[in-house]
Protein backbone atom coordinates (compact mmCIF):
# COMPACT_ATOMS: atom_id res chain seq x y z
CA MET A 1 -10.46 0.40 0.83
CA SER A 2 -7.33 2.22 2.04
CA LEU A 3 -4.78 1.15 4.40
CA ILE A 4 -3.27 2.48 8.00
CA LEU A 5 0.19 2.97 8.83
CA ASN A 6 0.43 2.49 13.19
CA THR A 7 4.05 2.35 13.41
CA ARG A 8 6.37 6.11 13.68
CA ALA A 9 8.32 6.08 10.24
CA LYS A 10 10.31 8.27 9.01
CA THR A 11 9.83 10.45 5.05
CA ILE A 12 11.73 10.78 2.20
CA ASN A 13 12.52 14.48 3.77
CA GLY A 14 13.44 12.85 7.46
CA ILE A 15 10.48 14.07 9.06
CA SER A 16 8.76 11.29 11.12
CA VAL A 17 5.30 10.40 10.77
CA ASP A 18 3.26 8.56 13.95
CA THR A 19 0.67 7.43 11.32
CA ALA A 20 0.30 7.63 7.89
CA TYR A 21 -2.63 7.23 4.96
CA GLY A 22 -2.61 4.94 1.82
CA ARG A 23 -4.22 4.55 -1.07
CA VAL A 24 -3.55 1.60 -3.56
CA ALA A 25 -3.62 0.37 -6.71
CA ALA A 26 -3.60 -2.41 -8.60
CA THR A 27 -3.85 -4.05 -12.47
CA ASP A 28 -3.61 -8.13 -13.18
CA SER A 29 -1.61 -9.01 -16.14
CA PHE A 30 -3.52 -10.05 -19.41
CA LYS A 31 -2.70 -13.90 -18.51
CA GLY A 32 -4.02 -13.40 -14.50
CA ASP A 33 -0.83 -14.60 -13.65
CA ALA A 34 0.32 -11.33 -11.70
CA ILE A 35 -0.71 -8.15 -9.86
CA GLN A 36 1.10 -5.38 -9.94
CA ALA A 37 0.30 -3.12 -7.09
CA SER A 38 1.06 0.09 -6.60
CA LEU A 39 1.27 2.98 -2.63
CA ASP A 40 0.96 6.16 -1.95
CA TRP A 41 0.76 7.25 1.21
CA TYR A 42 -0.94 10.04 2.51
CA ALA A 43 -0.09 12.12 5.98
CA SER A 44 -3.78 11.67 6.13
CA GLU A 45 -6.87 10.28 4.40
CA GLU A 46 -8.07 14.36 4.13
CA ASP A 47 -4.32 15.58 3.01
CA PHE A 48 -5.63 12.64 0.65
CA LEU A 49 -9.26 13.67 -0.42
CA ALA A 50 -7.77 17.33 -0.50
CA GLY A 51 -5.14 16.79 -3.26
CA ARG A 52 -2.02 18.05 -1.19
CA ASP A 53 0.77 15.65 -2.48
CA ALA A 54 1.54 12.55 -1.38
CA ILE A 55 4.69 11.89 1.12
CA TYR A 56 7.25 9.33 0.67
CA LEU A 57 8.62 6.79 3.12
CA GLU A 58 12.32 6.19 3.65
CA ALA A 59 13.29 2.77 2.74
CA GLU A 60 9.71 1.30 2.04
CA PRO A 61 8.48 -0.11 -1.05
CA THR A 62 5.74 1.53 -2.68
CA THR A 63 5.62 -0.80 -6.08
CA SER A 64 4.87 -4.57 -5.92
CA TYR A 65 4.56 -7.36 -8.58
CA PHE A 66 3.41 -10.69 -7.09
CA PRO A 67 2.21 -14.03 -8.30
CA TYR A 68 -1.45 -14.47 -8.92
CA ASN A 69 -4.00 -17.67 -10.12
CA ARG A 70 -7.43 -16.08 -11.79
CA ASP A 71 -9.01 -19.00 -12.31
CA GLN A 72 -8.15 -19.93 -8.76
CA GLU A 73 -7.66 -16.71 -5.65
CA SER A 74 -10.20 -14.24 -5.67
CA LYS A 75 -10.76 -12.02 -8.13
CA ASP A 76 -10.74 -8.42 -6.31
CA ILE A 77 -7.35 -8.11 -7.12
CA LEU A 78 -7.65 -4.40 -4.97
CA ASP A 79 -8.38 -6.66 -1.45
CA LEU A 80 -5.29 -8.62 -2.36
CA ALA A 81 -2.90 -6.26 -3.91
CA HIS A 82 -3.78 -4.04 -0.31
CA GLU A 83 -3.18 -7.55 1.43
CA ASN A 84 0.45 -8.00 -0.14
CA PHE A 85 1.43 -4.29 1.11
CA VAL A 86 0.53 -5.51 4.80
CA ALA A 87 2.78 -8.68 5.06
CA ILE A 88 5.86 -6.46 2.60
CA TYR A 89 5.34 -3.94 5.76
CA ALA A 90 5.40 -6.18 8.47
CA ASP A 91 7.87 -7.90 6.96
CA ASN A 92 10.14 -5.02 7.04
CA GLY A 93 8.60 -4.85 11.06
CA LEU A 94 6.05 -1.57 10.64
CA SER A 95 1.92 -2.40 11.54
CA VAL A 96 -0.09 -1.29 8.57
CA THR A 97 -4.11 -2.03 8.62
CA LYS A 98 -6.27 -2.93 5.57
CA VAL A 99 -9.75 -0.28 6.40
CA LEU A 100 -12.23 -1.57 4.40
């Protein structure tokens, strides 16, 4: 599972990118009441697979901590973390697509 940035954005180095490839990691709390997620962007999937360094988008979040109810929501916390980042970026005016 990954994310694809579909909107032009700038990196912290001032370089414009038309697209980027994102990988998400997620953990849930011991109580099952919150998920902590982190997102790394790469210039492409090939860069990720080759072990190249992540890129950092200007003024866009790469971490998220959000409420979760393990008893009532999906147990797939990685999917929920991806959806959370899609929503965060949409709120910031950027199009991000989840790829299975």
